[in-house]
C-alpha atoms as a PDB file:
ATOM      1  CA  MET A   1     -28.138   0.846  -0.170  1.00  0.00           C
ATOM      2  CA  VAL A   2     -28.041  -0.777   3.021  1.00  0.00           C
ATOM      3  CA  ASP A   3     -31.886  -1.755   2.484  1.00  0.00           C
ATOM      4  CA  GLU A   4     -31.356  -3.030  -0.688  1.00  0.00           C
ATOM      5  CA  LEU A   5     -28.296  -5.302   0.507  1.00  0.00           C
ATOM      6  CA  VAL A   6     -30.452  -6.294   3.532  1.00  0.00           C
ATOM      7  CA  ALA A   7     -33.497  -7.195   1.272  1.00  0.00           C
ATOM      8  CA  ARG A   8     -31.237  -8.815  -1.045  1.00  0.00           C
ATOM      9  CA  SER A   9     -29.696 -10.714   1.856  1.00  0.00           C
ATOM     10  CA  ARG A  10     -26.011 -10.097   1.098  1.00  0.00           C
ATOM     11  CA  THR A  11     -25.785  -8.553   4.610  1.00  0.00           C
ATOM     12  CA  PRO A  12     -26.994 -10.159   7.672  1.00  0.00           C
ATOM     13  CA  ASP A  13     -29.093  -6.841   9.020  1.00  0.00           C
ATOM     14  CA  ALA A  14     -28.668  -3.333   8.642  1.00  0.00           C
ATOM     15  CA  ALA A  15     -26.582  -2.356  11.962  1.00  0.00           C
ATOM     16  CA  THR A  16     -23.609  -4.829  10.066  1.00  0.00           C
ATOM     17  CA  ALA A  17     -23.670  -3.103   7.218  1.00  0.00           C
ATOM     18  CA  TRP A  18     -23.286   0.565   9.251  1.00  0.00           C
ATOM     19  CA  ARG A  19     -20.683  -0.814  11.245  1.00  0.00           C
ATOM     20  CA  GLN A  20     -18.956  -1.752   7.997  1.00  0.00           C
ATOM     21  CA  LEU A  21     -19.633   1.693   6.432  1.00  0.00           C
ATOM     22  CA  ALA A  22     -18.391   2.996   9.714  1.00  0.00           C
ATOM     23  CA  ALA A  23     -14.742   0.993   9.470  1.00  0.00           C
ATOM     24  CA  ALA A  24     -14.229   2.062   6.071  1.00  0.00           C
ATOM     25  CA  ASP A  25     -14.271   5.439   7.056  1.00  0.00           C
ATOM     26  CA  ARG A  26     -11.945   4.887   9.328  1.00  0.00           C
ATOM     27  CA  LEU A  27      -9.637   2.860   7.277  1.00  0.00           C
ATOM     28  CA  THR A  28      -9.727   5.345   4.730  1.00  0.00           C
ATOM     29  CA  SER A  29      -8.352   8.035   6.999  1.00  0.00           C
ATOM     30  CA  ALA A  30      -5.773   5.424   8.330  1.00  0.00           C
ATOM     31  CA  GLY A  31      -4.764   4.769   4.955  1.00  0.00           C
ATOM     32  CA  MET A  32      -4.317   8.732   4.098  1.00  0.00           C
ATOM     33  CA  TRP A  33      -2.102   9.408   7.175  1.00  0.00           C
ATOM     34  CA  LEU A  34      -0.059   6.046   6.333  1.00  0.00           C
ATOM     35  CA  VAL A  35       0.484   7.209   2.527  1.00  0.00           C
ATOM     36  CA  ALA A  36       1.507  10.943   3.753  1.00  0.00           C
ATOM     37  CA  HIS A  37       3.871   8.683   5.779  1.00  0.00           C
ATOM     38  CA  MET A  38       4.801   6.414   3.032  1.00  0.00           C
ATOM     39  CA  THR A  39       5.848   9.980   0.666  1.00  0.00           C
ATOM     40  CA  TYR A  40       7.660  11.947   3.972  1.00  0.00           C
ATOM     41  CA  GLY A  41       8.287   9.814   6.775  1.00  0.00           C
ATOM     42  CA  ARG A  42      11.222   7.274   7.740  1.00  0.00           C
ATOM     43  CA  ARG A  43       8.834   5.955  11.086  1.00  0.00           C
ATOM     44  CA  VAL A  44       5.320   6.659  12.471  1.00  0.00           C
ATOM     45  CA  ARG A  45       3.795   7.194  15.825  1.00  0.00           C
ATOM     46  CA  THR A  46       0.486   5.792  16.196  1.00  0.00           C
ATOM     47  CA  ASP A  47       0.178   7.365  19.755  1.00  0.00           C
ATOM     48  CA  GLY A  48       0.047  10.849  17.819  1.00  0.00           C
ATOM     49  CA  ALA A  49       3.577  12.438  19.092  1.00  0.00           C
ATOM     50  CA  ALA A  50       5.534  14.594  16.640  1.00  0.00           C
ATOM     51  CA  LEU A  51       7.690  13.047  14.466  1.00  0.00           C
ATOM     52  CA  ASP A  52      11.611  14.509  14.864  1.00  0.00           C
ATOM     53  CA  ALA A  53      13.749  16.105  11.828  1.00  0.00           C
ATOM     54  CA  ALA A  54      15.220  13.349  11.354  1.00  0.00           C
ATOM     55  CA  GLU A  55      12.276  10.971  10.887  1.00  0.00           C
ATOM     56  CA  PHE A  56      11.461  12.815   7.915  1.00  0.00           C
ATOM     57  CA  LYS A  57      12.786  11.326   4.509  1.00  0.00           C
ATOM     58  CA  PRO A  58      15.245  13.748   3.028  1.00  0.00           C
ATOM     59  CA  THR A  59      13.839  13.259  -0.591  1.00  0.00           C
ATOM     60  CA  PRO A  60      10.074  12.514  -0.020  1.00  0.00           C
ATOM     61  CA  GLU A  61       9.425  10.434  -3.447  1.00  0.00           C
ATOM     62  CA  GLY A  62       5.791   8.685  -4.528  1.00  0.00           C
ATOM     63  CA  HIS A  63       2.645   9.962  -6.667  1.00  0.00           C
ATOM     64  CA  THR A  64       0.851  11.041  -3.116  1.00  0.00           C
ATOM     65  CA  GLY A  65      -1.545  13.144  -4.546  1.00  0.00           C
ATOM     66  CA  GLY A  66      -2.945  10.137  -7.084  1.00  0.00           C
ATOM     67  CA  SER A  67      -2.410   7.660  -4.071  1.00  0.00           C
ATOM     68  CA  LEU A  68      -4.480  10.014  -2.045  1.00  0.00           C
ATOM     69  CA  ASN A  69      -7.349   9.876  -4.711  1.00  0.00           C
ATOM     70  CA  MET A  70      -6.979   5.985  -4.786  1.00  0.00           C
ATOM     71  CA  VAL A  71      -7.115   5.237  -1.042  1.00  0.00           C
ATOM     72  CA  PRO A  72     -10.878   6.059  -1.012  1.00  0.00           C
ATOM     73  CA  ALA A  73     -11.273   3.995  -4.206  1.00  0.00           C
ATOM     74  CA  TYR A  74      -9.431   0.678  -3.044  1.00  0.00           C
ATOM     75  CA  THR A  75     -11.109   1.313   0.638  1.00  0.00           C
ATOM     76  CA  GLY A  76     -14.493   1.225  -1.416  1.00  0.00           C
ATOM     77  CA  TYR A  77     -13.644  -2.144  -3.346  1.00  0.00           C
ATOM     78  CA  LEU A  78     -12.614  -3.628   0.100  1.00  0.00           C
ATOM     79  CA  LEU A  79     -15.821  -2.284   1.447  1.00  0.00           C
ATOM     80  CA  MET A  80     -18.157  -3.803  -1.256  1.00  0.00           C
ATOM     81  CA  ASP A  81     -16.663  -7.087  -1.253  1.00  0.00           C
ATOM     82  CA  ALA A  82     -17.033  -7.258   2.600  1.00  0.00           C
ATOM     83  CA  LEU A  83     -20.526  -6.032   2.632  1.00  0.00           C
ATOM     84  CA  ASP A  84     -21.973  -8.222  -0.068  1.00  0.00           C
ATOM     85  CA  GLY A  85     -19.312 -11.083  -0.146  1.00  0.00           C
ATOM     86  CA  VAL A  86     -18.665 -10.773  -3.752  1.00  0.00           C
ATOM     87  CA  THR A  87     -15.096 -10.899  -4.344  1.00  0.00           C
ATOM     88  CA  ARG A  88     -14.324  -8.365  -7.247  1.00  0.00           C
ATOM     89  CA  ALA A  89     -11.131  -8.120  -9.345  1.00  0.00           C
ATOM     90  CA  TRP A  90      -9.046  -4.754  -8.748  1.00  0.00           C
ATOM     91  CA  MET A  91      -7.429  -3.647 -11.842  1.00  0.00           C
ATOM     92  CA  MET A  92      -5.244  -0.932 -10.678  1.00  0.00           C
ATOM     93  CA  GLY A  93      -2.001  -1.736  -9.710  1.00  0.00           C
ATOM     94  CA  GLN A  94       1.357   0.280  -9.598  1.00  0.00           C
ATOM     95  CA  GLY A  95       2.012   4.023 -10.818  1.00  0.00           C
ATOM     96  CA  HIS A  96      -0.715   6.121  -8.813  1.00  0.00           C
ATOM     97  CA  CYS A  97      -1.802   3.480  -6.758  1.00  0.00           C
ATOM     98  CA  VAL A  98       0.976   1.575  -5.521  1.00  0.00           C
ATOM     99  CA  ALA A  99       0.924   3.427  -2.263  1.00  0.00           C
ATOM    100  CA  ALA A 100      -2.527   3.608  -1.909  1.00  0.00           C
ATOM    101  CA  ILE A 101      -2.994  -0.098  -1.867  1.00  0.00           C
ATOM    102  CA  ASP A 102      -0.297  -1.159  -0.428  1.00  0.00           C
ATOM    103  CA  ALA A 103      -0.910   0.879   2.872  1.00  0.00           C
ATOM    104  CA  LEU A 104      -4.377  -0.475   2.960  1.00  0.00           C
ATOM    105  CA  ASN A 105      -3.252  -4.022   2.554  1.00  0.00           C
ATOM    106  CA  VAL A 106      -0.801  -3.558   5.051  1.00  0.00           C
ATOM    107  CA  LEU A 107      -3.335  -2.038   7.459  1.00  0.00           C
ATOM    108  CA  VAL A 108      -5.907  -4.868   6.888  1.00  0.00           C
ATOM    109  CA  GLY A 109      -3.660  -7.736   7.249  1.00  0.00           C
ATOM    110  CA  ASN A 110      -4.113  -8.332   3.362  1.00  0.00           C
ATOM    111  CA  MET A 111      -0.681  -9.057   2.409  1.00  0.00           C
ATOM    112  CA  THR A 112       1.686 -11.637   0.625  1.00  0.00           C
ATOM    113  CA  GLU A 113       3.575 -13.934   2.896  1.00  0.00           C
ATOM    114  CA  ALA A 114       6.673 -11.543   2.016  1.00  0.00           C
ATOM    115  CA  HIS A 115       4.984  -8.539   3.401  1.00  0.00           C
ATOM    116  CA  ALA A 116       3.626 -10.176   6.380  1.00  0.00           C
ATOM    117  CA  ALA A 117       6.986 -11.247   7.357  1.00  0.00           C
ATOM    118  CA  ARG A 118       8.574  -7.918   7.559  1.00  0.00           C
ATOM    119  CA  TYR A 119       5.569  -6.019   8.440  1.00  0.00           C
ATOM    120  CA  ASP A 120       2.508  -5.050  11.188  1.00  0.00           C
ATOM    121  CA  ARG A 121       0.537  -2.775  12.492  1.00  0.00           C
ATOM    122  CA  SER A 122       3.087  -1.916  15.220  1.00  0.00           C
ATOM    123  CA  ASP A 123       4.948   1.442  14.863  1.00  0.00           C
ATOM    124  CA  ALA A 124       8.085  -0.568  14.591  1.00  0.00           C
ATOM    125  CA  GLY A 125       6.029  -2.421  11.687  1.00  0.00           C
ATOM    126  CA  LEU A 126       4.845   0.482  10.216  1.00  0.00           C
ATOM    127  CA  SER A 127       7.908   2.154  10.530  1.00  0.00           C
ATOM    128  CA  ARG A 128       9.571  -0.015   8.370  1.00  0.00           C
ATOM    129  CA  PHE A 129       6.805  -0.235   5.913  1.00  0.00           C
ATOM    130  CA  VAL A 130       6.859   3.505   5.528  1.00  0.00           C
ATOM    131  CA  SER A 131      11.176   3.463   5.290  1.00  0.00           C
ATOM    132  CA  ASP A 132      10.984   0.593   2.475  1.00  0.00           C
ATOM    133  CA  PHE A 133       8.877   2.864   0.373  1.00  0.00           C
ATOM    134  CA  TYR A 134      10.874   3.826  -2.818  1.00  0.00           C
ATOM    135  CA  ALA A 135      14.050   2.525  -0.812  1.00  0.00           C
ATOM    136  CA  TYR A 136      15.632   0.846  -4.108  1.00  0.00           C
ATOM    137  CA  THR A 137      17.871  -1.012  -1.916  1.00  0.00           C
ATOM    138  CA  LEU A 138      18.869  -4.379  -3.147  1.00  0.00           C
ATOM    139  CA  ASN A 139      20.405  -7.719  -1.482  1.00  0.00           C
ATOM    140  CA  SER A 140      23.715  -8.866  -2.932  1.00  0.00           C
ATOM    141  CA  ASP A 141      22.175 -11.163  -5.105  1.00  0.00           C
ATOM    142  CA  GLY A 142      20.710  -8.091  -7.118  1.00  0.00           C
ATOM    143  CA  THR A 143      16.793  -8.792  -5.880  1.00  0.00           C
ATOM    144  CA  PRO A 144      14.773  -6.253  -3.827  1.00  0.00           C
ATOM    145  CA  ALA A 145      15.770  -5.813  -0.299  1.00  0.00           C
ATOM    146  CA  SER A 146      12.007  -4.901   0.212  1.00  0.00           C
ATOM    147  CA  PRO A 147       8.770  -6.450  -1.027  1.00  0.00           C
ATOM    148  CA  LEU A 148       7.200  -3.285  -1.533  1.00  0.00           C
ATOM    149  CA  GLY A 149       7.306  -2.035  -5.391  1.00  0.00           C
ATOM    150  CA  SER A 150       6.865   1.145  -7.074  1.00  0.00           C
ATOM    151  CA  ASP A 151       6.506   2.286 -10.852  1.00  0.00           C
ATOM    152  CA  THR A 152       9.965   4.381 -10.964  1.00  0.00           C
ATOM    153  CA  LEU A 153      13.527   3.718 -12.433  1.00  0.00           C
ATOM    154  CA  PRO A 154      15.622   2.878  -9.295  1.00  0.00           C
ATOM    155  CA  PRO A 155      18.771   5.391  -9.178  1.00  0.00           C
ATOM    156  CA  ASP A 156      20.973   3.223 -10.960  1.00  0.00           C
ATOM    157  CA  PHE A 157      18.380   3.410 -14.164  1.00  0.00           C
ATOM    158  CA  GLN A 158      18.971   6.597 -16.350  1.00  0.00           C
ATOM    159  CA  ARG A 159      17.154   5.436 -18.991  1.00  0.00           C
ATOM    160  CA  ILE A 160      14.648   2.831 -20.288  1.00  0.00           C
ATOM    161  CA  ASP A 161      17.369   1.112 -22.195  1.00  0.00           C
ATOM    162  CA  ASP A 162      18.767   0.352 -18.719  1.00  0.00           C
ATOM    163  CA  VAL A 163      15.934  -1.560 -18.089  1.00  0.00           C
ATOM    164  CA  VAL A 164      15.630  -3.284 -21.133  1.00  0.00           C
ATOM    165  CA  ILE A 165      19.156  -4.430 -20.288  1.00  0.00           C
ATOM    166  CA  ALA A 166      18.266  -5.453 -16.845  1.00  0.00           C
ATOM    167  CA  VAL A 167      15.185  -7.165 -17.931  1.00  0.00           C
ATOM    168  CA  LYS A 168      17.083  -9.493 -20.709  1.00  0.00           C
ATOM    169  CA  ALA A 169      19.839 -10.084 -18.310  1.00  0.00           C
ATOM    170  CA  GLY A 170      16.669 -11.783 -15.934  1.00  0.00           C
ATOM    171  CA  ARG A 171      17.300  -9.212 -12.936  1.00  0.00           C
ATOM    172  CA  GLN A 172      14.402  -8.844 -10.469  1.00  0.00           C
ATOM    173  CA  PHE A 173      13.575  -5.304  -9.494  1.00  0.00           C
ATOM    174  CA  PHE A 174      10.833  -2.668  -8.497  1.00  0.00           C
ATOM    175  CA  GLY A 175       9.416  -5.273  -5.673  1.00  0.00           C
ATOM    176  CA  HIS A 176       8.132  -7.997  -7.669  1.00  0.00           C
ATOM    177  CA  ASP A 177       8.236 -11.537  -6.888  1.00  0.00           C
ATOM    178  CA  ARG A 178       8.779 -12.122 -10.603  1.00  0.00           C
ATOM    179  CA  THR A 179      11.310 -11.683 -13.025  1.00  0.00           C
ATOM    180  CA  PHE A 180      10.477  -9.679 -15.942  1.00  0.00           C
END
């Protein structure tokens, strides 16, 4: 693959492509680490120090298994865009993908303005990020306090009828910037 990319002048040289492949491997590892923290942790420690019991979520939530599967897939998507300079459409976005995509996007700085204003790669920024995942916190006007999304119903929604009523009323939820 690397030789073909070089032969087609899609990458400057083989060494560049191999560096990008190695970086994708490290990004995949970091993404899986962050997805696990999104499910289980209230904070992260990039120095590798152990978390205290109080730094774990009392009720872990998230599609962790599916998201862990999506981390290498989304990393591969980002890698191919970087290797050959062609931006492809990404069709997955919610459900089992949300944690994987959000985790990798924060790690590579591929964020909306709302995400970038709230999160960075520091311990504090990543801790805020993992704490916001599945937090369901709303502002006083009913909009999400966090720009992160999820595909599950917030605790005040018990049935799909509750969602339909909220949609008809124009309520914003699930961390989206648009009203459903």
